[in-house]
C-alpha atoms as a PDB file:
ATOM      1  CA  MET A   1     253.613 170.969  34.692  1.00  0.00           C
ATOM      2  CA  THR A   2     250.300 169.825  35.993  1.00  0.00           C
ATOM      3  CA  GLY A   3     251.833 168.430  39.252  1.00  0.00           C
ATOM      4  CA  LEU A   4     253.226 172.333  39.891  1.00  0.00           C
ATOM      5  CA  VAL A   5     249.719 173.576  39.724  1.00  0.00           C
ATOM      6  CA  LEU A   6     248.346 170.856  42.171  1.00  0.00           C
ATOM      7  CA  ASP A   7     250.873 171.136  44.279  1.00  0.00           C
ATOM      8  CA  GLY A   8     250.428 174.963  44.448  1.00  0.00           C
ATOM      9  CA  LEU A   9     246.740 174.680  45.017  1.00  0.00           C
ATOM     10  CA  ALA A  10     247.283 172.058  47.741  1.00  0.00           C
ATOM     11  CA  GLY A  11     249.506 174.377  49.385  1.00  0.00           C
ATOM     12  CA  ILE A  12     246.842 176.623  49.424  1.00  0.00           C
ATOM     13  CA  ALA A  13     243.801 174.561  49.939  1.00  0.00           C
ATOM     14  CA  VAL A  14     245.236 172.176  52.646  1.00  0.00           C
ATOM     15  CA  PRO A  15     246.479 174.508  55.404  1.00  0.00           C
ATOM     16  CA  LEU A  16     242.989 176.642  55.530  1.00  0.00           C
ATOM     17  CA  LEU A  17     241.005 173.461  55.662  1.00  0.00           C
ATOM     18  CA  VAL A  18     243.194 172.194  58.368  1.00  0.00           C
ATOM     19  CA  GLU A  19     242.975 175.362  60.535  1.00  0.00           C
ATOM     20  CA  MET A  20     239.389 175.871  59.930  1.00  0.00           C
ATOM     21  CA  VAL A  21     238.875 172.446  61.282  1.00  0.00           C
ATOM     22  CA  ASP A  22     241.781 173.050  64.162  1.00  0.00           C
ATOM     23  CA  ASP A  23     239.614 175.932  65.384  1.00  0.00           C
ATOM     24  CA  ARG A  24     236.399 174.459  65.756  1.00  0.00           C
ATOM     25  CA  TRP A  25     237.507 171.537  67.942  1.00  0.00           C
ATOM     26  CA  THR A  26     238.743 172.605  71.469  1.00  0.00           C
ATOM     27  CA  GLN A  27     241.046 170.995  74.026  1.00  0.00           C
ATOM     28  CA  ARG A  28     243.384 172.143  76.372  1.00  0.00           C
ATOM     29  CA  VAL A  29     246.076 169.868  75.871  1.00  0.00           C
ATOM     30  CA  GLY A  30     247.638 168.541  72.742  1.00  0.00           C
ATOM     31  CA  HIS A  31     245.886 170.936  70.453  1.00  0.00           C
ATOM     32  CA  ARG A  32     247.907 170.769  67.345  1.00  0.00           C
ATOM     33  CA  LEU A  33     249.345 167.590  68.284  1.00  0.00           C
ATOM     34  CA  ARG A  34     246.569 165.303  67.415  1.00  0.00           C
ATOM     35  CA  PHE A  35     247.074 166.579  63.516  1.00  0.00           C
ATOM     36  CA  VAL A  36     250.911 166.373  63.552  1.00  0.00           C
ATOM     37  CA  LEU A  37     250.442 162.910  64.711  1.00  0.00           C
ATOM     38  CA  LEU A  38     247.611 161.631  62.452  1.00  0.00           C
ATOM     39  CA  VAL A  39     249.149 163.527  59.586  1.00  0.00           C
ATOM     40  CA  ALA A  40     252.724 162.229  60.085  1.00  0.00           C
ATOM     41  CA  SER A  41     251.243 158.710  59.697  1.00  0.00           C
ATOM     42  CA  VAL A  42     249.479 159.499  56.731  1.00  0.00           C
ATOM     43  CA  ALA A  43     252.962 160.850  55.344  1.00  0.00           C
ATOM     44  CA  VAL A  44     254.397 157.794  56.311  1.00  0.00           C
ATOM     45  CA  VAL A  45     252.029 155.910  54.351  1.00  0.00           C
ATOM     46  CA  GLY A  46     252.311 157.893  51.394  1.00  0.00           C
ATOM     47  CA  LEU A  47     255.880 157.263  50.985  1.00  0.00           C
ATOM     48  CA  LEU A  48     255.867 153.824  51.605  1.00  0.00           C
ATOM     49  CA  LEU A  49     253.491 153.248  48.703  1.00  0.00           C
ATOM     50  CA  ALA A  50     255.840 155.461  46.554  1.00  0.00           C
ATOM     51  CA  ALA A  51     259.069 153.046  47.858  1.00  0.00           C
ATOM     52  CA  LEU A  52     257.054 150.010  46.875  1.00  0.00           C
ATOM     53  CA  ASP A  53     257.634 151.075  43.024  1.00  0.00           C
ATOM     54  CA  VAL A  54     254.690 148.978  41.972  1.00  0.00           C
ATOM     55  CA  SER A  55     253.259 150.776  39.226  1.00  0.00           C
ATOM     56  CA  PRO A  56     253.049 154.211  38.225  1.00  0.00           C
ATOM     57  CA  ALA A  57     249.568 154.997  39.535  1.00  0.00           C
ATOM     58  CA  VAL A  58     251.011 153.901  43.049  1.00  0.00           C
ATOM     59  CA  ILE A  59     253.814 156.212  42.963  1.00  0.00           C
ATOM     60  CA  ILE A  60     251.672 158.797  42.034  1.00  0.00           C
ATOM     61  CA  VAL A  61     248.913 158.286  44.915  1.00  0.00           C
ATOM     62  CA  GLY A  62     251.736 157.624  47.415  1.00  0.00           C
ATOM     63  CA  ALA A  63     253.506 161.160  46.353  1.00  0.00           C
ATOM     64  CA  GLY A  64     250.122 162.692  46.714  1.00  0.00           C
ATOM     65  CA  LEU A  65     249.569 161.427  50.167  1.00  0.00           C
ATOM     66  CA  TYR A  66     252.828 162.580  51.252  1.00  0.00           C
ATOM     67  CA  PHE A  67     252.515 166.020  49.966  1.00  0.00           C
ATOM     68  CA  LEU A  68     249.247 166.483  51.468  1.00  0.00           C
ATOM     69  CA  ALA A  69     250.386 165.368  54.798  1.00  0.00           C
ATOM     70  CA  HIS A  70     253.269 167.531  54.187  1.00  0.00           C
ATOM     71  CA  PHE A  71     251.321 170.854  53.640  1.00  0.00           C
ATOM     72  CA  ALA A  72     248.830 169.574  56.733  1.00  0.00           C
ATOM     73  CA  VAL A  73     251.638 168.950  59.005  1.00  0.00           C
ATOM     74  CA  LEU A  74     253.272 172.549  58.576  1.00  0.00           C
ATOM     75  CA  THR A  75     250.000 174.021  59.381  1.00  0.00           C
ATOM     76  CA  PRO A  76     250.075 173.926  63.024  1.00  0.00           C
ATOM     77  CA  TYR A  77     254.080 174.552  62.862  1.00  0.00           C
ATOM     78  CA  GLU A  78     253.428 177.744  61.391  1.00  0.00           C
ATOM     79  CA  ALA A  79     250.707 178.686  63.365  1.00  0.00           C
ATOM     80  CA  LEU A  80     253.017 178.989  66.158  1.00  0.00           C
END
């Protein structure tokens, strides 16, 4: 139950924060591409941490990183 609440809160807060930061930075080429590349690397790290299966805490951190990156990478896509 707690995971669903945190997932919903992240789904609301992360896109707002990403858009706020993205709108303040101006660059003609690759305006949203920098977020996609940065956040995709964070998602890969999160998936690798979850795949290592070292301990439950590492899996939770890896899943959290992945979901934060997932919501952040969807924001530029949905803005188009």
